[in-house]
Amino acid sequence: MLLTLDISNTSIKAGVFRGDELLAHWRIATERHKLADDYGMLLLNLLQASGIPASEINGVSVSCVVPPLRSVFEELARKYLHRAPVIVGPGIKTGVKLAVDNPREVGADRVVNSLATYRLYGGPAIAIAFGTATVFDCISAQGDYLGGAIAPGVVTSLESLTRSAAQLFQVELVHPSRAIGKSTVTTMQSGLVLGFAGLVEGLVKRLKAELGPAKVIATGGLAEVIAPVTDVIDVVDLQLTLKGLKLIYDLNA
């Protein structure tokens, strides 16, 4: 079985594959001060709770955009699973040509999502990841990574708003029944959910003007919130990154 780990700035997503089947997946908070032993014990507990013996994990594939945690999870894989992990980065085969000015600037998660998008859905395509940032990645008909756009994340924007405006507060991110809000909660939901849907629509239109007709794939925690209020998203695949990590592991096995 294969353990996949997607380590982002706000959360860590883990999944276990048997062949092409995703047996289990979990999401935990990213805590930069934690050590390999902290995460290792947590991982063992998650595996045990799902009935997956740690001894049956025979491969580990990692995407990490938090530099201090890269060595932490490499140590975890070696110490607790006795495996040398495949960590997306220089020297790792990805099958993705990076047709950008500086390939080293492209985050591991963007490479992984681009590979998964092309292999699973074809190209040209636009992958949108709703996370700490809202990230748009463009993939050519040949599977090349062409670049994209980065905007603030929905939750990031909400947190910034509530920190800066004394009379505003955290609200549940659900789409409101109408655009004209009648309370502080519904006006914020309109601005955040419908506002970000408008951002997505505007950027997709501009990206397609340069890329041509393209399928749009959305992933990330808030993809299911934004997708129902816009008609530009074709597919929501919440496990896109984990699937991409499996594909990269297979390329390097």
C-alpha atoms as a PDB file:
ATOM      1  CA  MET A   1       0.000   0.000   0.000  1.00  0.00           C
ATOM      2  CA  LEU A   2       1.055   3.585  -0.662  1.00  0.00           C
ATOM      3  CA  LEU A   3       0.864   6.492   1.787  1.00  0.00           C
ATOM      4  CA  THR A   4       0.451   9.900   0.149  1.00  0.00           C
ATOM      5  CA  LEU A   5       1.029  13.141   2.056  1.00  0.00           C
ATOM      6  CA  ASP A   6       0.083  16.616   0.825  1.00  0.00           C
ATOM      7  CA  ILE A   7       1.610  19.137   3.250  1.00  0.00           C
ATOM      8  CA  SER A   8       0.285  22.660   2.777  1.00  0.00           C
ATOM      9  CA  ASN A   9       0.480  25.811   4.878  1.00  0.00           C
ATOM     10  CA  THR A  10      -2.770  25.254   6.757  1.00  0.00           C
ATOM     11  CA  SER A  11      -3.474  21.528   6.572  1.00  0.00           C
ATOM     12  CA  ILE A  12      -1.922  18.157   5.880  1.00  0.00           C
ATOM     13  CA  LYS A  13      -3.900  15.687   3.815  1.00  0.00           C
ATOM     14  CA  ALA A  14      -2.958  12.023   3.959  1.00  0.00           C
ATOM     15  CA  GLY A  15      -4.300   9.091   1.989  1.00  0.00           C
ATOM     16  CA  VAL A  16      -3.601   5.385   1.617  1.00  0.00           C
ATOM     17  CA  PHE A  17      -3.908   3.643  -1.742  1.00  0.00           C
ATOM     18  CA  ARG A  18      -4.133  -0.047  -2.508  1.00  0.00           C
ATOM     19  CA  GLY A  19      -3.498  -0.104  -6.230  1.00  0.00           C
ATOM     20  CA  ASP A  20      -5.705   2.639  -7.674  1.00  0.00           C
ATOM     21  CA  GLU A  21      -8.188   2.497  -4.791  1.00  0.00           C
ATOM     22  CA  LEU A  22      -8.047   5.192  -2.132  1.00  0.00           C
ATOM     23  CA  LEU A  23      -8.766   3.201   1.027  1.00  0.00           C
ATOM     24  CA  ALA A  24      -8.757   6.041   3.551  1.00  0.00           C
ATOM     25  CA  HIS A  25      -7.877   9.693   3.804  1.00  0.00           C
ATOM     26  CA  TRP A  26      -7.527  12.235   6.601  1.00  0.00           C
ATOM     27  CA  ARG A  27      -6.974  15.964   7.057  1.00  0.00           C
ATOM     28  CA  ILE A  28      -5.114  17.453  10.022  1.00  0.00           C
ATOM     29  CA  ALA A  29      -3.858  20.934  10.892  1.00  0.00           C
ATOM     30  CA  THR A  30      -0.345  21.938   9.871  1.00  0.00           C
ATOM     31  CA  GLU A  31       1.718  22.707  12.966  1.00  0.00           C
ATOM     32  CA  ARG A  32       5.249  23.763  12.075  1.00  0.00           C
ATOM     33  CA  HIS A  33       6.658  23.259  15.576  1.00  0.00           C
ATOM     34  CA  LYS A  34       5.794  19.552  15.694  1.00  0.00           C
ATOM     35  CA  LEU A  35       8.492  16.906  15.374  1.00  0.00           C
ATOM     36  CA  ALA A  36       8.654  13.670  13.416  1.00  0.00           C
ATOM     37  CA  ASP A  37       7.662  11.739  16.539  1.00  0.00           C
ATOM     38  CA  ASP A  38       4.567  13.917  17.035  1.00  0.00           C
ATOM     39  CA  TYR A  39       3.349  13.379  13.489  1.00  0.00           C
ATOM     40  CA  GLY A  40       4.522   9.767  13.499  1.00  0.00           C
ATOM     41  CA  MET A  41       2.407   8.803  16.497  1.00  0.00           C
ATOM     42  CA  LEU A  42      -0.583  10.651  15.046  1.00  0.00           C
ATOM     43  CA  LEU A  43      -0.181   8.824  11.738  1.00  0.00           C
ATOM     44  CA  LEU A  44       0.060   5.430  13.431  1.00  0.00           C
ATOM     45  CA  ASN A  45      -3.144   6.169  15.352  1.00  0.00           C
ATOM     46  CA  LEU A  46      -4.959   7.180  12.154  1.00  0.00           C
ATOM     47  CA  LEU A  47      -3.828   4.025  10.381  1.00  0.00           C
ATOM     48  CA  GLN A  48      -4.868   1.854  13.322  1.00  0.00           C
ATOM     49  CA  ALA A  49      -8.288   3.523  13.549  1.00  0.00           C
ATOM     50  CA  SER A  50      -8.841   2.718   9.866  1.00  0.00           C
ATOM     51  CA  GLY A  51      -7.706  -0.891  10.220  1.00  0.00           C
ATOM     52  CA  ILE A  52      -4.596  -0.391   8.085  1.00  0.00           C
ATOM     53  CA  PRO A  53      -1.423  -2.072   9.431  1.00  0.00           C
ATOM     54  CA  ALA A  54       1.544   0.297   9.235  1.00  0.00           C
ATOM     55  CA  SER A  55       3.681  -2.697   8.251  1.00  0.00           C
ATOM     56  CA  GLU A  56       1.742  -2.954   4.979  1.00  0.00           C
ATOM     57  CA  ILE A  57       2.727   0.556   3.845  1.00  0.00           C
ATOM     58  CA  ASN A  58       5.445  -0.148   1.288  1.00  0.00           C
ATOM     59  CA  GLY A  59       5.778   3.303  -0.267  1.00  0.00           C
ATOM     60  CA  VAL A  60       5.471   6.978   0.677  1.00  0.00           C
ATOM     61  CA  SER A  61       4.904   9.916  -1.692  1.00  0.00           C
ATOM     62  CA  VAL A  62       5.119  13.481  -0.367  1.00  0.00           C
ATOM     63  CA  SER A  63       4.337  16.989  -1.606  1.00  0.00           C
ATOM     64  CA  CYS A  64       5.482  19.692   0.814  1.00  0.00           C
ATOM     65  CA  VAL A  65       5.286  23.477   0.428  1.00  0.00           C
ATOM     66  CA  VAL A  66       6.348  24.120   4.041  1.00  0.00           C
ATOM     67  CA  PRO A  67      10.177  23.890   3.949  1.00  0.00           C
ATOM     68  CA  PRO A  68      10.702  23.246   7.701  1.00  0.00           C
ATOM     69  CA  LEU A  69       8.428  20.182   7.520  1.00  0.00           C
ATOM     70  CA  ARG A  70      10.141  18.498   4.579  1.00  0.00           C
ATOM     71  CA  SER A  71      12.854  16.925   6.743  1.00  0.00           C
ATOM     72  CA  VAL A  72      10.294  16.156   9.471  1.00  0.00           C
ATOM     73  CA  PHE A  73       8.229  13.972   7.155  1.00  0.00           C
ATOM     74  CA  GLU A  74      11.288  12.395   5.577  1.00  0.00           C
ATOM     75  CA  GLU A  75      12.345  11.325   9.080  1.00  0.00           C
ATOM     76  CA  LEU A  76       8.798  10.130   9.822  1.00  0.00           C
ATOM     77  CA  ALA A  77       8.745   7.896   6.747  1.00  0.00           C
ATOM     78  CA  ARG A  78      12.103   6.337   7.553  1.00  0.00           C
ATOM     79  CA  LYS A  79      11.585   5.957  11.307  1.00  0.00           C
ATOM     80  CA  TYR A  80       7.953   4.831  11.496  1.00  0.00           C
ATOM     81  CA  LEU A  81       7.371   3.176   8.115  1.00  0.00           C
ATOM     82  CA  HIS A  82      10.948   2.149   7.268  1.00  0.00           C
ATOM     83  CA  ARG A  83      10.626   3.616   3.781  1.00  0.00           C
ATOM     84  CA  ALA A  84      12.577   6.234   1.849  1.00  0.00           C
ATOM     85  CA  PRO A  85       9.896   8.666   0.678  1.00  0.00           C
ATOM     86  CA  VAL A  86       9.506  10.075  -2.816  1.00  0.00           C
ATOM     87  CA  ILE A  87       9.407  13.828  -2.144  1.00  0.00           C
ATOM     88  CA  VAL A  88       8.357  15.964  -5.103  1.00  0.00           C
ATOM     89  CA  GLY A  89      11.215  18.267  -6.058  1.00  0.00           C
ATOM     90  CA  PRO A  90      14.450  18.421  -8.061  1.00  0.00           C
ATOM     91  CA  GLY A  91      15.574  15.019  -9.297  1.00  0.00           C
ATOM     92  CA  ILE A  92      12.105  13.459  -9.106  1.00  0.00           C
ATOM     93  CA  LYS A  93      10.382  12.415 -12.322  1.00  0.00           C
ATOM     94  CA  THR A  94       7.007  14.126 -12.656  1.00  0.00           C
ATOM     95  CA  GLY A  95       6.160  13.766 -16.333  1.00  0.00           C
ATOM     96  CA  VAL A  96       5.366  17.497 -16.414  1.00  0.00           C
ATOM     97  CA  LYS A  97       7.340  19.964 -18.538  1.00  0.00           C
ATOM     98  CA  LEU A  98       7.452  23.309 -16.738  1.00  0.00           C
ATOM     99  CA  ALA A  99       7.112  25.902 -19.503  1.00  0.00           C
ATOM    100  CA  VAL A 100       7.634  28.914 -17.225  1.00  0.00           C
ATOM    101  CA  ASP A 101      10.363  31.502 -16.644  1.00  0.00           C
ATOM    102  CA  ASN A 102      11.752  29.889 -13.483  1.00  0.00           C
ATOM    103  CA  PRO A 103      10.731  26.247 -12.967  1.00  0.00           C
ATOM    104  CA  ARG A 104      12.225  26.223  -9.453  1.00  0.00           C
ATOM    105  CA  GLU A 105       9.559  28.683  -8.321  1.00  0.00           C
ATOM    106  CA  VAL A 106       6.720  26.277  -9.103  1.00  0.00           C
ATOM    107  CA  GLY A 107       5.382  24.709  -5.905  1.00  0.00           C
ATOM    108  CA  ALA A 108       5.305  20.935  -5.577  1.00  0.00           C
ATOM    109  CA  ASP A 109       1.526  20.956  -5.148  1.00  0.00           C
ATOM    110  CA  ARG A 110       1.080  22.787  -8.456  1.00  0.00           C
ATOM    111  CA  VAL A 111       3.195  20.203 -10.271  1.00  0.00           C
ATOM    112  CA  VAL A 112       1.249  17.354  -8.664  1.00  0.00           C
ATOM    113  CA  ASN A 113      -2.139  18.880  -9.483  1.00  0.00           C
ATOM    114  CA  SER A 114      -1.099  19.576 -13.069  1.00  0.00           C
ATOM    115  CA  LEU A 115       0.000  15.975 -13.600  1.00  0.00           C
ATOM    116  CA  ALA A 116      -3.186  14.581 -12.057  1.00  0.00           C
ATOM    117  CA  THR A 117      -5.386  16.954 -14.041  1.00  0.00           C
ATOM    118  CA  TYR A 118      -3.783  16.019 -17.351  1.00  0.00           C
ATOM    119  CA  ARG A 119      -3.602  12.270 -16.719  1.00  0.00           C
ATOM    120  CA  LEU A 120      -7.155  12.016 -15.370  1.00  0.00           C
ATOM    121  CA  TYR A 121      -9.001  14.642 -17.408  1.00  0.00           C
ATOM    122  CA  GLY A 122      -6.811  15.512 -20.394  1.00  0.00           C
ATOM    123  CA  GLY A 123      -5.800  18.908 -21.716  1.00  0.00           C
ATOM    124  CA  PRO A 124      -5.975  21.756 -22.271  1.00  0.00           C
ATOM    125  CA  ALA A 125      -7.187  22.217 -18.718  1.00  0.00           C
ATOM    126  CA  ILE A 126      -7.259  24.633 -15.814  1.00  0.00           C
ATOM    127  CA  ALA A 127      -6.819  23.260 -12.293  1.00  0.00           C
ATOM    128  CA  ILE A 128      -8.103  25.455  -9.465  1.00  0.00           C
ATOM    129  CA  ALA A 129      -7.021  24.677  -5.899  1.00  0.00           C
ATOM    130  CA  PHE A 130      -9.032  26.372  -3.152  1.00  0.00           C
ATOM    131  CA  GLY A 131      -6.645  26.450  -0.209  1.00  0.00           C
ATOM    132  CA  THR A 132      -4.623  29.015   1.734  1.00  0.00           C
ATOM    133  CA  ALA A 133      -4.395  30.688  -1.666  1.00  0.00           C
ATOM    134  CA  THR A 134      -6.709  30.241  -4.633  1.00  0.00           C
ATOM    135  CA  VAL A 135      -4.366  28.826  -7.264  1.00  0.00           C
ATOM    136  CA  PHE A 136      -5.072  28.536 -10.992  1.00  0.00           C
ATOM    137  CA  ASP A 137      -2.809  26.245 -13.053  1.00  0.00           C
ATOM    138  CA  CYS A 138      -2.951  25.977 -16.843  1.00  0.00           C
ATOM    139  CA  ILE A 139      -2.046  22.743 -18.639  1.00  0.00           C
ATOM    140  CA  SER A 140      -1.567  22.450 -22.393  1.00  0.00           C
ATOM    141  CA  ALA A 141      -2.980  19.835 -24.742  1.00  0.00           C
ATOM    142  CA  GLN A 142       0.401  18.074 -24.477  1.00  0.00           C
ATOM    143  CA  GLY A 143       0.403  18.101 -20.662  1.00  0.00           C
ATOM    144  CA  ASP A 144       2.909  20.944 -20.240  1.00  0.00           C
ATOM    145  CA  TYR A 145       2.556  23.260 -17.262  1.00  0.00           C
ATOM    146  CA  LEU A 146       2.104  26.768 -18.674  1.00  0.00           C
ATOM    147  CA  GLY A 147       1.783  28.864 -15.516  1.00  0.00           C
ATOM    148  CA  GLY A 148      -1.335  30.399 -14.038  1.00  0.00           C
ATOM    149  CA  ALA A 149      -2.513  32.814 -11.371  1.00  0.00           C
ATOM    150  CA  ILE A 150      -2.558  33.079  -7.578  1.00  0.00           C
ATOM    151  CA  ALA A 151      -5.213  34.950  -5.595  1.00  0.00           C
ATOM    152  CA  PRO A 152      -5.909  35.028  -1.845  1.00  0.00           C
ATOM    153  CA  GLY A 153      -7.764  32.063  -0.395  1.00  0.00           C
ATOM    154  CA  VAL A 154     -11.346  32.416   0.780  1.00  0.00           C
ATOM    155  CA  VAL A 155     -10.540  31.570   4.407  1.00  0.00           C
ATOM    156  CA  THR A 156      -7.389  33.702   4.280  1.00  0.00           C
ATOM    157  CA  SER A 157      -9.496  36.651   3.136  1.00  0.00           C
ATOM    158  CA  LEU A 158     -12.081  36.053   5.858  1.00  0.00           C
ATOM    159  CA  GLU A 159      -9.388  35.906   8.546  1.00  0.00           C
ATOM    160  CA  SER A 160      -7.773  39.104   7.264  1.00  0.00           C
ATOM    161  CA  LEU A 161     -11.148  40.849   7.194  1.00  0.00           C
ATOM    162  CA  THR A 162     -12.055  39.910  10.751  1.00  0.00           C
ATOM    163  CA  ARG A 163      -8.612  40.945  12.038  1.00  0.00           C
ATOM    164  CA  SER A 164      -8.780  44.351  10.365  1.00  0.00           C
ATOM    165  CA  ALA A 165     -12.456  45.277  10.884  1.00  0.00           C
ATOM    166  CA  ALA A 166     -13.480  45.434  14.540  1.00  0.00           C
ATOM    167  CA  GLN A 167     -17.202  44.879  13.942  1.00  0.00           C
ATOM    168  CA  LEU A 168     -16.837  41.884  11.626  1.00  0.00           C
ATOM    169  CA  PHE A 169     -16.512  38.308  12.808  1.00  0.00           C
ATOM    170  CA  GLN A 170     -15.999  34.745  11.589  1.00  0.00           C
ATOM    171  CA  VAL A 171     -18.938  33.331   9.623  1.00  0.00           C
ATOM    172  CA  GLU A 172     -19.739  29.941   8.158  1.00  0.00           C
ATOM    173  CA  LEU A 173     -18.675  29.806   4.519  1.00  0.00           C
ATOM    174  CA  VAL A 174     -21.870  28.683   2.803  1.00  0.00           C
ATOM    175  CA  HIS A 175     -23.489  30.251  -0.229  1.00  0.00           C
ATOM    176  CA  PRO A 176     -26.318  32.648   0.662  1.00  0.00           C
ATOM    177  CA  SER A 177     -29.776  32.401  -0.858  1.00  0.00           C
ATOM    178  CA  ARG A 178     -29.409  35.833  -2.454  1.00  0.00           C
ATOM    179  CA  ALA A 179     -26.673  38.318  -3.310  1.00  0.00           C
ATOM    180  CA  ILE A 180     -28.206  41.175  -1.312  1.00  0.00           C
ATOM    181  CA  GLY A 181     -27.457  40.262   2.281  1.00  0.00           C
ATOM    182  CA  LYS A 182     -29.854  41.326   5.030  1.00  0.00           C
ATOM    183  CA  SER A 183     -27.499  40.833   7.999  1.00  0.00           C
ATOM    184  CA  THR A 184     -23.787  41.016   8.732  1.00  0.00           C
ATOM    185  CA  VAL A 185     -23.545  37.248   8.328  1.00  0.00           C
ATOM    186  CA  THR A 186     -25.308  37.065   4.963  1.00  0.00           C
ATOM    187  CA  THR A 187     -23.566  40.162   3.589  1.00  0.00           C
ATOM    188  CA  MET A 188     -20.188  38.622   4.437  1.00  0.00           C
ATOM    189  CA  GLN A 189     -21.227  35.283   2.940  1.00  0.00           C
ATOM    190  CA  SER A 190     -22.315  37.066  -0.220  1.00  0.00           C
ATOM    191  CA  GLY A 191     -19.056  38.967  -0.513  1.00  0.00           C
ATOM    192  CA  LEU A 192     -16.860  35.970   0.236  1.00  0.00           C
ATOM    193  CA  VAL A 193     -18.635  33.086  -1.504  1.00  0.00           C
ATOM    194  CA  LEU A 194     -20.309  34.900  -4.391  1.00  0.00           C
ATOM    195  CA  GLY A 195     -17.419  37.353  -4.622  1.00  0.00           C
ATOM    196  CA  PHE A 196     -14.878  34.567  -5.003  1.00  0.00           C
ATOM    197  CA  ALA A 197     -17.140  32.823  -7.506  1.00  0.00           C
ATOM    198  CA  GLY A 198     -17.001  36.040  -9.516  1.00  0.00           C
ATOM    199  CA  LEU A 199     -13.219  36.109  -9.192  1.00  0.00           C
ATOM    200  CA  VAL A 200     -13.062  32.530 -10.472  1.00  0.00           C
ATOM    201  CA  GLU A 201     -15.343  33.320 -13.392  1.00  0.00           C
ATOM    202  CA  GLY A 202     -13.344  36.389 -14.359  1.00  0.00           C
ATOM    203  CA  LEU A 203      -9.965  34.677 -14.203  1.00  0.00           C
ATOM    204  CA  VAL A 204     -11.161  31.540 -16.001  1.00  0.00           C
ATOM    205  CA  LYS A 205     -12.500  33.743 -18.800  1.00  0.00           C
ATOM    206  CA  ARG A 206      -9.157  35.527 -19.124  1.00  0.00           C
ATOM    207  CA  LEU A 207      -7.138  32.297 -18.911  1.00  0.00           C
ATOM    208  CA  LYS A 208      -9.275  30.639 -21.583  1.00  0.00           C
ATOM    209  CA  ALA A 209      -8.800  33.698 -23.816  1.00  0.00           C
ATOM    210  CA  GLU A 210      -5.084  32.812 -23.859  1.00  0.00           C
ATOM    211  CA  LEU A 211      -5.288  29.027 -23.499  1.00  0.00           C
ATOM    212  CA  GLY A 212      -8.311  28.284 -25.653  1.00  0.00           C
ATOM    213  CA  PRO A 213     -11.192  25.949 -24.735  1.00  0.00           C
ATOM    214  CA  ALA A 214     -10.261  24.040 -21.584  1.00  0.00           C
ATOM    215  CA  LYS A 215     -11.821  21.796 -18.966  1.00  0.00           C
ATOM    216  CA  VAL A 216     -11.828  23.312 -15.466  1.00  0.00           C
ATOM    217  CA  ILE A 217     -11.076  21.026 -12.509  1.00  0.00           C
ATOM    218  CA  ALA A 218     -11.505  22.267  -8.926  1.00  0.00           C
ATOM    219  CA  THR A 219      -9.995  20.810  -5.772  1.00  0.00           C
ATOM    220  CA  GLY A 220      -9.318  21.892  -2.203  1.00  0.00           C
ATOM    221  CA  GLY A 221     -11.457  22.261   0.877  1.00  0.00           C
ATOM    222  CA  LEU A 222     -13.792  24.969  -0.433  1.00  0.00           C
ATOM    223  CA  ALA A 223     -14.239  23.667  -3.976  1.00  0.00           C
ATOM    224  CA  GLU A 224     -17.614  22.216  -2.997  1.00  0.00           C
ATOM    225  CA  VAL A 225     -18.730  25.618  -1.675  1.00  0.00           C
ATOM    226  CA  ILE A 226     -17.739  27.663  -4.730  1.00  0.00           C
ATOM    227  CA  ALA A 227     -18.615  25.170  -7.503  1.00  0.00           C
ATOM    228  CA  PRO A 228     -22.423  25.240  -7.007  1.00  0.00           C
ATOM    229  CA  VAL A 229     -22.584  29.023  -7.462  1.00  0.00           C
ATOM    230  CA  THR A 230     -20.665  29.219 -10.739  1.00  0.00           C
ATOM    231  CA  ASP A 231     -21.023  27.492 -14.095  1.00  0.00           C
ATOM    232  CA  VAL A 232     -17.334  27.589 -15.094  1.00  0.00           C
ATOM    233  CA  ILE A 233     -16.197  24.575 -13.029  1.00  0.00           C
ATOM    234  CA  ASP A 234     -16.627  21.275 -14.881  1.00  0.00           C
ATOM    235  CA  VAL A 235     -15.389  18.781 -12.269  1.00  0.00           C
ATOM    236  CA  VAL A 236     -14.790  18.844  -8.511  1.00  0.00           C
ATOM    237  CA  ASP A 237     -12.151  16.304  -7.454  1.00  0.00           C
ATOM    238  CA  LEU A 238     -11.324  16.685  -3.774  1.00  0.00           C
ATOM    239  CA  GLN A 239      -8.639  13.984  -3.934  1.00  0.00           C
ATOM    240  CA  LEU A 240      -6.823  15.384  -6.988  1.00  0.00           C
ATOM    241  CA  THR A 241      -3.534  16.008  -5.177  1.00  0.00           C
ATOM    242  CA  LEU A 242      -3.450  12.595  -3.508  1.00  0.00           C
ATOM    243  CA  LYS A 243      -4.116  10.956  -6.883  1.00  0.00           C
ATOM    244  CA  GLY A 244      -1.301  13.008  -8.384  1.00  0.00           C
ATOM    245  CA  LEU A 245       1.077  11.875  -5.654  1.00  0.00           C
ATOM    246  CA  LYS A 246       0.276   8.274  -6.495  1.00  0.00           C
ATOM    247  CA  LEU A 247       1.006   8.954 -10.173  1.00  0.00           C
ATOM    248  CA  ILE A 248       4.356  10.515  -9.278  1.00  0.00           C
ATOM    249  CA  TYR A 249       5.245   7.592  -7.022  1.00  0.00           C
ATOM    250  CA  ASP A 250       4.503   5.185  -9.867  1.00  0.00           C
ATOM    251  CA  LEU A 251       6.808   7.180 -12.164  1.00  0.00           C
ATOM    252  CA  ASN A 252       9.656   6.893  -9.664  1.00  0.00           C
ATOM    253  CA  ALA A 253       9.113   3.381  -8.289  1.00  0.00           C
END
